[in-house]
Amino acid sequence: GGVGMGGGGGGGGVGVPATQCKEGQFIQFTAGDRISVTAGPEGIGVLVIAGRPIGEPVVQYGPFVMNTQAEIKQCFADYQRGELCKGPCTRVKYEA
């Protein structure tokens, strides 16, 4: 299965035949589902993720996803100290 995220505004949409996904909503697709994407005049943004269930607990806070609340707290503390990246990291300034 996968998860689709509606986005874009502008009159577009994402969904399966019986379900329309609005901006900020998620749909879980199952094997064999067909999805359609229609962009409105302003375009549309869609994120589709596929994978197998990992059979482990999942804890999410903001952009952080870990297995336990303690791991989330540690990750957030590392982030606040600027230590989230534990390897050769390159900071790139994002310009829209």
PDB file of N, CA and C in Angstrom:
ATOM      1  N   GLY A   1       0.818  -1.191   0.000  1.00  0.00           N
ATOM      2  CA  GLY A   1       0.000   0.000   0.000  1.00  0.00           C
ATOM      3  C   GLY A   1       0.855   1.245   0.000  1.00  0.00           C
ATOM      4  N   GLY A   2       0.235   2.346  -0.140  1.00  0.00           N
ATOM      5  CA  GLY A   2       0.931   3.616  -0.139  1.00  0.00           C
ATOM      6  C   GLY A   2       0.039   4.676   0.442  1.00  0.00           C
ATOM      7  N   VAL A   3       0.577   5.829   0.589  1.00  0.00           N
ATOM      8  CA  VAL A   3      -0.208   6.937   1.128  1.00  0.00           C
ATOM      9  C   VAL A   3      -0.079   8.097   0.171  1.00  0.00           C
ATOM     10  N   GLY A   4      -1.184   8.691  -0.194  1.00  0.00           N
ATOM     11  CA  GLY A   4      -1.166   9.862  -1.062  1.00  0.00           C
ATOM     12  C   GLY A   4      -1.547  11.079  -0.258  1.00  0.00           C
ATOM     13  N   MET A   5      -0.935  12.186  -0.536  1.00  0.00           N
ATOM     14  CA  MET A   5      -1.260  13.418   0.186  1.00  0.00           C
ATOM     15  C   MET A   5      -1.826  14.411  -0.793  1.00  0.00           C
ATOM     16  N   GLY A   6      -3.021  14.882  -0.519  1.00  0.00           N
ATOM     17  CA  GLY A   6      -3.613  15.896  -1.377  1.00  0.00           C
ATOM     18  C   GLY A   6      -2.883  17.208  -1.221  1.00  0.00           C
ATOM     19  N   GLY A   7      -2.848  17.978  -2.271  1.00  0.00           N
ATOM     20  CA  GLY A   7      -2.173  19.261  -2.153  1.00  0.00           C
ATOM     21  C   GLY A   7      -2.550  20.182  -3.293  1.00  0.00           C
ATOM     22  N   GLY A   8      -1.976  21.351  -3.238  1.00  0.00           N
ATOM     23  CA  GLY A   8      -2.066  22.242  -4.370  1.00  0.00           C
ATOM     24  C   GLY A   8      -3.167  23.273  -4.341  1.00  0.00           C
ATOM     25  N   GLY A   9      -4.338  22.973  -3.854  1.00  0.00           N
ATOM     26  CA  GLY A   9      -5.433  23.932  -4.015  1.00  0.00           C
ATOM     27  C   GLY A   9      -5.740  24.041  -5.492  1.00  0.00           C
ATOM     28  N   GLY A  10      -6.039  25.160  -5.995  1.00  0.00           N
ATOM     29  CA  GLY A  10      -6.143  25.410  -7.429  1.00  0.00           C
ATOM     30  C   GLY A  10      -7.089  24.512  -8.194  1.00  0.00           C
ATOM     31  N   GLY A  11      -8.023  23.808  -7.532  1.00  0.00           N
ATOM     32  CA  GLY A  11      -9.010  23.028  -8.249  1.00  0.00           C
ATOM     33  C   GLY A  11      -8.574  21.636  -8.630  1.00  0.00           C
ATOM     34  N   GLY A  12      -7.365  21.203  -8.316  1.00  0.00           N
ATOM     35  CA  GLY A  12      -6.921  19.855  -8.647  1.00  0.00           C
ATOM     36  C   GLY A  12      -7.363  18.872  -7.587  1.00  0.00           C
ATOM     37  N   GLY A  13      -7.077  17.595  -7.825  1.00  0.00           N
ATOM     38  CA  GLY A  13      -7.446  16.594  -6.841  1.00  0.00           C
ATOM     39  C   GLY A  13      -6.707  15.298  -7.041  1.00  0.00           C
ATOM     40  N   VAL A  14      -6.697  14.489  -5.996  1.00  0.00           N
ATOM     41  CA  VAL A  14      -6.084  13.172  -6.010  1.00  0.00           C
ATOM     42  C   VAL A  14      -7.070  12.242  -5.357  1.00  0.00           C
ATOM     43  N   GLY A  15      -7.187  11.018  -5.857  1.00  0.00           N
ATOM     44  CA  GLY A  15      -8.075  10.093  -5.175  1.00  0.00           C
ATOM     45  C   GLY A  15      -8.267   8.795  -5.921  1.00  0.00           C
ATOM     46  N   VAL A  16      -9.064   7.935  -5.324  1.00  0.00           N
ATOM     47  CA  VAL A  16      -9.536   6.716  -5.964  1.00  0.00           C
ATOM     48  C   VAL A  16     -10.945   7.029  -6.420  1.00  0.00           C
ATOM     49  N   PRO A  17     -11.546   6.206  -7.290  1.00  0.00           N
ATOM     50  CA  PRO A  17     -12.830   6.586  -7.878  1.00  0.00           C
ATOM     51  C   PRO A  17     -13.891   7.075  -6.893  1.00  0.00           C
ATOM     52  N   ALA A  18     -14.002   6.475  -5.709  1.00  0.00           N
ATOM     53  CA  ALA A  18     -15.069   6.868  -4.782  1.00  0.00           C
ATOM     54  C   ALA A  18     -14.629   7.877  -3.729  1.00  0.00           C
ATOM     55  N   THR A  19     -13.348   8.250  -3.703  1.00  0.00           N
ATOM     56  CA  THR A  19     -12.835   9.108  -2.634  1.00  0.00           C
ATOM     57  C   THR A  19     -11.973  10.218  -3.207  1.00  0.00           C
ATOM     58  N   GLN A  20     -12.304  11.460  -2.911  1.00  0.00           N
ATOM     59  CA  GLN A  20     -11.500  12.610  -3.319  1.00  0.00           C
ATOM     60  C   GLN A  20     -10.635  13.035  -2.144  1.00  0.00           C
ATOM     61  N   CYS A  21      -9.354  13.200  -2.356  1.00  0.00           N
ATOM     62  CA  CYS A  21      -8.436  13.633  -1.304  1.00  0.00           C
ATOM     63  C   CYS A  21      -8.257  15.138  -1.425  1.00  0.00           C
ATOM     64  N   LYS A  22      -8.605  15.850  -0.383  1.00  0.00           N
ATOM     65  CA  LYS A  22      -8.462  17.305  -0.369  1.00  0.00           C
ATOM     66  C   LYS A  22      -7.069  17.687   0.151  1.00  0.00           C
ATOM     67  N   GLU A  23      -6.723  18.949   0.010  1.00  0.00           N
ATOM     68  CA  GLU A  23      -5.429  19.444   0.480  1.00  0.00           C
ATOM     69  C   GLU A  23      -5.224  19.121   1.954  1.00  0.00           C
ATOM     70  N   GLY A  24      -4.062  18.541   2.280  1.00  0.00           N
ATOM     71  CA  GLY A  24      -3.723  18.223   3.656  1.00  0.00           C
ATOM     72  C   GLY A  24      -4.272  16.897   4.147  1.00  0.00           C
ATOM     73  N   GLN A  25      -5.023  16.176   3.336  1.00  0.00           N
ATOM     74  CA  GLN A  25      -5.562  14.883   3.727  1.00  0.00           C
ATOM     75  C   GLN A  25      -4.692  13.763   3.165  1.00  0.00           C
ATOM     76  N   PHE A  26      -4.865  12.576   3.737  1.00  0.00           N
ATOM     77  CA  PHE A  26      -4.121  11.403   3.301  1.00  0.00           C
ATOM     78  C   PHE A  26      -5.090  10.288   2.938  1.00  0.00           C
ATOM     79  N   ILE A  27      -4.706   9.465   1.972  1.00  0.00           N
ATOM     80  CA  ILE A  27      -5.469   8.275   1.600  1.00  0.00           C
ATOM     81  C   ILE A  27      -4.499   7.101   1.618  1.00  0.00           C
ATOM     82  N   GLN A  28      -4.913   5.990   2.211  1.00  0.00           N
ATOM     83  CA  GLN A  28      -4.101   4.774   2.144  1.00  0.00           C
ATOM     84  C   GLN A  28      -4.667   3.905   1.038  1.00  0.00           C
ATOM     85  N   PHE A  29      -3.818   3.563   0.083  1.00  0.00           N
ATOM     86  CA  PHE A  29      -4.226   2.733  -1.037  1.00  0.00           C
ATOM     87  C   PHE A  29      -3.872   1.281  -0.728  1.00  0.00           C
ATOM     88  N   THR A  30      -4.639   0.353  -1.280  1.00  0.00           N
ATOM     89  CA  THR A  30      -4.339  -1.063  -1.110  1.00  0.00           C
ATOM     90  C   THR A  30      -4.019  -1.671  -2.466  1.00  0.00           C
ATOM     91  N   ALA A  31      -3.513  -2.886  -2.447  1.00  0.00           N
ATOM     92  CA  ALA A  31      -3.110  -3.565  -3.678  1.00  0.00           C
ATOM     93  C   ALA A  31      -4.239  -3.522  -4.702  1.00  0.00           C
ATOM     94  N   GLY A  32      -3.908  -3.140  -5.921  1.00  0.00           N
ATOM     95  CA  GLY A  32      -4.874  -3.106  -7.002  1.00  0.00           C
ATOM     96  C   GLY A  32      -5.632  -1.805  -7.158  1.00  0.00           C
ATOM     97  N   ASP A  33      -5.535  -0.898  -6.177  1.00  0.00           N
ATOM     98  CA  ASP A  33      -6.211   0.394  -6.307  1.00  0.00           C
ATOM     99  C   ASP A  33      -5.644   1.174  -7.486  1.00  0.00           C
ATOM    100  N   ARG A  34      -6.522   1.882  -8.159  1.00  0.00           N
ATOM    101  CA  ARG A  34      -6.099   2.814  -9.200  1.00  0.00           C
ATOM    102  C   ARG A  34      -6.349   4.209  -8.662  1.00  0.00           C
ATOM    103  N   ILE A  35      -5.396   5.087  -8.904  1.00  0.00           N
ATOM    104  CA  ILE A  35      -5.571   6.462  -8.449  1.00  0.00           C
ATOM    105  C   ILE A  35      -5.573   7.380  -9.661  1.00  0.00           C
ATOM    106  N   SER A  36      -6.191   8.519  -9.488  1.00  0.00           N
ATOM    107  CA  SER A  36      -6.165   9.522 -10.553  1.00  0.00           C
ATOM    108  C   SER A  36      -5.687  10.837  -9.953  1.00  0.00           C
ATOM    109  N   VAL A  37      -4.970  11.588 -10.761  1.00  0.00           N
ATOM    110  CA  VAL A  37      -4.457  12.889 -10.347  1.00  0.00           C
ATOM    111  C   VAL A  37      -4.895  13.894 -11.411  1.00  0.00           C
ATOM    112  N   THR A  38      -5.548  14.951 -10.954  1.00  0.00           N
ATOM    113  CA  THR A  38      -5.991  16.003 -11.861  1.00  0.00           C
ATOM    114  C   THR A  38      -5.477  17.337 -11.346  1.00  0.00           C
ATOM    115  N   ALA A  39      -4.696  18.024 -12.155  1.00  0.00           N
ATOM    116  CA  ALA A  39      -4.164  19.328 -11.766  1.00  0.00           C
ATOM    117  C   ALA A  39      -5.118  20.429 -12.200  1.00  0.00           C
ATOM    118  N   GLY A  40      -5.329  21.363 -11.302  1.00  0.00           N
ATOM    119  CA  GLY A  40      -6.128  22.538 -11.626  1.00  0.00           C
ATOM    120  C   GLY A  40      -5.248  23.598 -12.273  1.00  0.00           C
ATOM    121  N   PRO A  41      -5.766  24.798 -12.472  1.00  0.00           N
ATOM    122  CA  PRO A  41      -5.019  25.869 -13.135  1.00  0.00           C
ATOM    123  C   PRO A  41      -3.716  26.243 -12.429  1.00  0.00           C
ATOM    124  N   GLU A  42      -3.666  26.070 -11.097  1.00  0.00           N
ATOM    125  CA  GLU A  42      -2.454  26.424 -10.345  1.00  0.00           C
ATOM    126  C   GLU A  42      -1.520  25.241 -10.140  1.00  0.00           C
ATOM    127  N   GLY A  43      -1.815  24.091 -10.719  1.00  0.00           N
ATOM    128  CA  GLY A  43      -0.990  22.908 -10.554  1.00  0.00           C
ATOM    129  C   GLY A  43      -1.393  22.133  -9.306  1.00  0.00           C
ATOM    130  N   ILE A  44      -0.627  21.103  -8.991  1.00  0.00           N
ATOM    131  CA  ILE A  44      -0.935  20.250  -7.840  1.00  0.00           C
ATOM    132  C   ILE A  44       0.362  19.609  -7.343  1.00  0.00           C
ATOM    133  N   GLY A  45       0.431  19.364  -6.056  1.00  0.00           N
ATOM    134  CA  GLY A  45       1.560  18.644  -5.477  1.00  0.00           C
ATOM    135  C   GLY A  45       1.060  17.337  -4.881  1.00  0.00           C
ATOM    136  N   VAL A  46       1.717  16.233  -5.194  1.00  0.00           N
ATOM    137  CA  VAL A  46       1.299  14.918  -4.719  1.00  0.00           C
ATOM    138  C   VAL A  46       2.517  14.164  -4.214  1.00  0.00           C
ATOM    139  N   LEU A  47       2.354  13.512  -3.071  1.00  0.00           N
ATOM    140  CA  LEU A  47       3.405  12.669  -2.519  1.00  0.00           C
ATOM    141  C   LEU A  47       2.839  11.261  -2.392  1.00  0.00           C
ATOM    142  N   VAL A  48       3.485  10.282  -3.038  1.00  0.00           N
ATOM    143  CA  VAL A  48       3.058   8.892  -2.948  1.00  0.00           C
ATOM    144  C   VAL A  48       4.209   8.102  -2.348  1.00  0.00           C
ATOM    145  N   ILE A  49       3.924   7.379  -1.278  1.00  0.00           N
ATOM    146  CA  ILE A  49       4.951   6.589  -0.584  1.00  0.00           C
ATOM    147  C   ILE A  49       4.498   5.136  -0.583  1.00  0.00           C
ATOM    148  N   ALA A  50       5.397   4.226  -0.887  1.00  0.00           N
ATOM    149  CA  ALA A  50       5.072   2.807  -0.864  1.00  0.00           C
ATOM    150  C   ALA A  50       6.083   2.070   0.004  1.00  0.00           C
ATOM    151  N   GLY A  51       5.636   1.039   0.663  1.00  0.00           N
ATOM    152  CA  GLY A  51       6.537   0.234   1.473  1.00  0.00           C
ATOM    153  C   GLY A  51       5.782  -0.853   2.198  1.00  0.00           C
ATOM    154  N   ARG A  52       6.535  -1.746   2.790  1.00  0.00           N
ATOM    155  CA  ARG A  52       5.944  -2.825   3.571  1.00  0.00           C
ATOM    156  C   ARG A  52       5.852  -2.406   5.029  1.00  0.00           C
ATOM    157  N   PRO A  53       4.828  -2.864   5.735  1.00  0.00           N
ATOM    158  CA  PRO A  53       4.747  -2.573   7.172  1.00  0.00           C
ATOM    159  C   PRO A  53       5.984  -3.100   7.893  1.00  0.00           C
ATOM    160  N   ILE A  54       6.515  -2.318   8.834  1.00  0.00           N
ATOM    161  CA  ILE A  54       7.732  -2.727   9.537  1.00  0.00           C
ATOM    162  C   ILE A  54       7.441  -3.477  10.824  1.00  0.00           C
ATOM    163  N   GLY A  55       6.178  -3.527  11.229  1.00  0.00           N
ATOM    164  CA  GLY A  55       5.811  -4.285  12.419  1.00  0.00           C
ATOM    165  C   GLY A  55       6.416  -3.740  13.703  1.00  0.00           C
ATOM    166  N   GLU A  56       6.687  -2.442  13.743  1.00  0.00           N
ATOM    167  CA  GLU A  56       7.260  -1.805  14.929  1.00  0.00           C
ATOM    168  C   GLU A  56       6.419  -0.591  15.287  1.00  0.00           C
ATOM    169  N   PRO A  57       6.463  -0.178  16.565  1.00  0.00           N
ATOM    170  CA  PRO A  57       5.736   1.037  16.929  1.00  0.00           C
ATOM    171  C   PRO A  57       6.330   2.252  16.219  1.00  0.00           C
ATOM    172  N   VAL A  58       5.491   3.219  15.958  1.00  0.00           N
ATOM    173  CA  VAL A  58       5.919   4.444  15.290  1.00  0.00           C
ATOM    174  C   VAL A  58       5.438   5.630  16.109  1.00  0.00           C
ATOM    175  N   VAL A  59       6.375   6.528  16.440  1.00  0.00           N
ATOM    176  CA  VAL A  59       6.054   7.752  17.171  1.00  0.00           C
ATOM    177  C   VAL A  59       6.517   8.910  16.305  1.00  0.00           C
ATOM    178  N   GLN A  60       5.639   9.884  16.083  1.00  0.00           N
ATOM    179  CA  GLN A  60       5.951  11.014  15.219  1.00  0.00           C
ATOM    180  C   GLN A  60       5.750  12.308  15.989  1.00  0.00           C
ATOM    181  N   TYR A  61       6.696  13.239  15.822  1.00  0.00           N
ATOM    182  CA  TYR A  61       6.573  14.588  16.378  1.00  0.00           C
ATOM    183  C   TYR A  61       7.176  15.538  15.368  1.00  0.00           C
ATOM    184  N   GLY A  62       6.360  16.399  14.777  1.00  0.00           N
ATOM    185  CA  GLY A  62       6.860  17.283  13.722  1.00  0.00           C
ATOM    186  C   GLY A  62       7.434  16.435  12.605  1.00  0.00           C
ATOM    187  N   PRO A  63       8.630  16.757  12.134  1.00  0.00           N
ATOM    188  CA  PRO A  63       9.221  15.983  11.045  1.00  0.00           C
ATOM    189  C   PRO A  63       9.935  14.715  11.518  1.00  0.00           C
ATOM    190  N   PHE A  64       9.990  14.500  12.828  1.00  0.00           N
ATOM    191  CA  PHE A  64      10.753  13.376  13.367  1.00  0.00           C
ATOM    192  C   PHE A  64       9.873  12.141  13.542  1.00  0.00           C
ATOM    193  N   VAL A  65      10.371  10.993  13.105  1.00  0.00           N
ATOM    194  CA  VAL A  65       9.656   9.727  13.248  1.00  0.00           C
ATOM    195  C   VAL A  65      10.629   8.712  13.827  1.00  0.00           C
ATOM    196  N   MET A  66      10.281   8.151  14.974  1.00  0.00           N
ATOM    197  CA  MET A  66      11.128   7.170  15.658  1.00  0.00           C
ATOM    198  C   MET A  66      10.229   6.036  16.159  1.00  0.00           C
ATOM    199  N   ASN A  67      10.788   5.145  16.986  1.00  0.00           N
ATOM    200  CA  ASN A  67      10.013   4.024  17.514  1.00  0.00           C
ATOM    201  C   ASN A  67       9.454   4.268  18.914  1.00  0.00           C
ATOM    202  N   THR A  68      10.060   5.162  19.682  1.00  0.00           N
ATOM    203  CA  THR A  68       9.591   5.407  21.051  1.00  0.00           C
ATOM    204  C   THR A  68       9.568   6.905  21.340  1.00  0.00           C
ATOM    205  N   GLN A  69       8.810   7.282  22.362  1.00  0.00           N
ATOM    206  CA  GLN A  69       8.768   8.681  22.792  1.00  0.00           C
ATOM    207  C   GLN A  69      10.156   9.129  23.261  1.00  0.00           C
ATOM    208  N   ALA A  70      10.888   8.228  23.936  1.00  0.00           N
ATOM    209  CA  ALA A  70      12.242   8.565  24.396  1.00  0.00           C
ATOM    210  C   ALA A  70      13.168   8.869  23.217  1.00  0.00           C
ATOM    211  N   GLU A  71      13.048   8.107  22.125  1.00  0.00           N
ATOM    212  CA  GLU A  71      13.871   8.361  20.940  1.00  0.00           C
ATOM    213  C   GLU A  71      13.508   9.695  20.297  1.00  0.00           C
ATOM    214  N   ILE A  72      12.222  10.037  20.310  1.00  0.00           N
ATOM    215  CA  ILE A  72      11.792  11.342  19.779  1.00  0.00           C
ATOM    216  C   ILE A  72      12.410  12.462  20.604  1.00  0.00           C
ATOM    217  N   LYS A  73      12.354  12.347  21.934  1.00  0.00           N
ATOM    218  CA  LYS A  73      12.930  13.380  22.807  1.00  0.00           C
ATOM    219  C   LYS A  73      14.426  13.526  22.550  1.00  0.00           C
ATOM    220  N   GLN A  74      15.140  12.396  22.395  1.00  0.00           N
ATOM    221  CA  GLN A  74      16.576  12.446  22.138  1.00  0.00           C
ATOM    222  C   GLN A  74      16.853  13.078  20.779  1.00  0.00           C
ATOM    223  N   CYS A  75      16.080  12.708  19.780  1.00  0.00           N
ATOM    224  CA  CYS A  75      16.253  13.261  18.440  1.00  0.00           C
ATOM    225  C   CYS A  75      16.034  14.771  18.448  1.00  0.00           C
ATOM    226  N   PHE A  76      14.984  15.217  19.125  1.00  0.00           N
ATOM    227  CA  PHE A  76      14.683  16.646  19.195  1.00  0.00           C
ATOM    228  C   PHE A  76      15.787  17.389  19.936  1.00  0.00           C
ATOM    229  N   ALA A  77      16.301  16.794  21.027  1.00  0.00           N
ATOM    230  CA  ALA A  77      17.403  17.417  21.775  1.00  0.00           C
ATOM    231  C   ALA A  77      18.653  17.514  20.891  1.00  0.00           C
ATOM    232  N   ASP A  78      18.948  16.451  20.125  1.00  0.00           N
ATOM    233  CA  ASP A  78      20.089  16.476  19.195  1.00  0.00           C
ATOM    234  C   ASP A  78      19.910  17.578  18.157  1.00  0.00           C
ATOM    235  N   TYR A  79      18.699  17.709  17.650  1.00  0.00           N
ATOM    236  CA  TYR A  79      18.404  18.736  16.660  1.00  0.00           C
ATOM    237  C   TYR A  79      18.624  20.132  17.242  1.00  0.00           C
ATOM    238  N   GLN A  80      18.125  20.365  18.460  1.00  0.00           N
ATOM    239  CA  GLN A  80      18.270  21.675  19.094  1.00  0.00           C
ATOM    240  C   GLN A  80      19.731  22.026  19.348  1.00  0.00           C
ATOM    241  N   ARG A  81      20.570  21.016  19.574  1.00  0.00           N
ATOM    242  CA  ARG A  81      22.011  21.249  19.778  1.00  0.00           C
ATOM    243  C   ARG A  81      22.790  21.299  18.461  1.00  0.00           C
ATOM    244  N   GLY A  82      22.101  21.089  17.342  1.00  0.00           N
ATOM    245  CA  GLY A  82      22.782  21.084  16.045  1.00  0.00           C
ATOM    246  C   GLY A  82      23.548  19.807  15.793  1.00  0.00           C
ATOM    247  N   GLU A  83      23.188  18.732  16.492  1.00  0.00           N
ATOM    248  CA  GLU A  83      23.910  17.471  16.385  1.00  0.00           C
ATOM    249  C   GLU A  83      23.090  16.378  15.710  1.00  0.00           C
ATOM    250  N   LEU A  84      22.060  16.733  14.985  1.00  0.00           N
ATOM    251  CA  LEU A  84      21.206  15.720  14.375  1.00  0.00           C
ATOM    252  C   LEU A  84      21.951  14.939  13.300  1.00  0.00           C
ATOM    253  N   CYS A  85      22.759  15.618  12.544  1.00  0.00           N
ATOM    254  CA  CYS A  85      23.518  14.965  11.480  1.00  0.00           C
ATOM    255  C   CYS A  85      24.816  14.411  12.050  1.00  0.00           C
ATOM    256  N   LYS A  86      24.978  13.096  12.000  1.00  0.00           N
ATOM    257  CA  LYS A  86      26.147  12.459  12.598  1.00  0.00           C
ATOM    258  C   LYS A  86      27.092  11.934  11.523  1.00  0.00           C
ATOM    259  N   GLY A  87      27.317  12.648  10.515  1.00  0.00           N
ATOM    260  CA  GLY A  87      28.208  12.211   9.442  1.00  0.00           C
ATOM    261  C   GLY A  87      28.669  13.426   8.664  1.00  0.00           C
ATOM    262  N   PRO A  88      29.246  13.177   7.504  1.00  0.00           N
ATOM    263  CA  PRO A  88      29.670  14.313   6.686  1.00  0.00           C
ATOM    264  C   PRO A  88      28.438  15.017   6.092  1.00  0.00           C
ATOM    265  N   CYS A  89      28.000  16.053   6.763  1.00  0.00           N
ATOM    266  CA  CYS A  89      26.803  16.780   6.332  1.00  0.00           C
ATOM    267  C   CYS A  89      27.205  18.089   5.654  1.00  0.00           C
ATOM    268  N   THR A  90      26.470  18.430   4.655  1.00  0.00           N
ATOM    269  CA  THR A  90      26.667  19.704   3.982  1.00  0.00           C
ATOM    270  C   THR A  90      25.399  20.503   4.118  1.00  0.00           C
ATOM    271  N   ARG A  91      25.501  21.698   4.638  1.00  0.00           N
ATOM    272  CA  ARG A  91      24.322  22.548   4.753  1.00  0.00           C
ATOM    273  C   ARG A  91      24.162  23.321   3.459  1.00  0.00           C
ATOM    274  N   VAL A  92      22.969  23.264   2.933  1.00  0.00           N
ATOM    275  CA  VAL A  92      22.663  23.944   1.672  1.00  0.00           C
ATOM    276  C   VAL A  92      21.556  24.946   1.943  1.00  0.00           C
ATOM    277  N   LYS A  93      21.782  26.183   1.523  1.00  0.00           N
ATOM    278  CA  LYS A  93      20.745  27.207   1.689  1.00  0.00           C
ATOM    279  C   LYS A  93      19.686  26.992   0.620  1.00  0.00           C
ATOM    280  N   TYR A  94      18.445  26.850   1.085  1.00  0.00           N
ATOM    281  CA  TYR A  94      17.322  26.637   0.174  1.00  0.00           C
ATOM    282  C   TYR A  94      16.832  27.980  -0.331  1.00  0.00           C
ATOM    283  N   GLU A  95      16.678  28.090  -1.616  1.00  0.00           N
ATOM    284  CA  GLU A  95      16.112  29.293  -2.211  1.00  0.00           C
ATOM    285  C   GLU A  95      14.968  28.884  -3.121  1.00  0.00           C
ATOM    286  N   ALA A  96      13.783  29.386  -2.811  1.00  0.00           N
ATOM    287  CA  ALA A  96      12.590  29.029  -3.619  1.00  0.00           C
ATOM    288  C   ALA A  96      12.598  29.743  -4.942  1.00  0.00           C
TER     289      ALA A  96
END
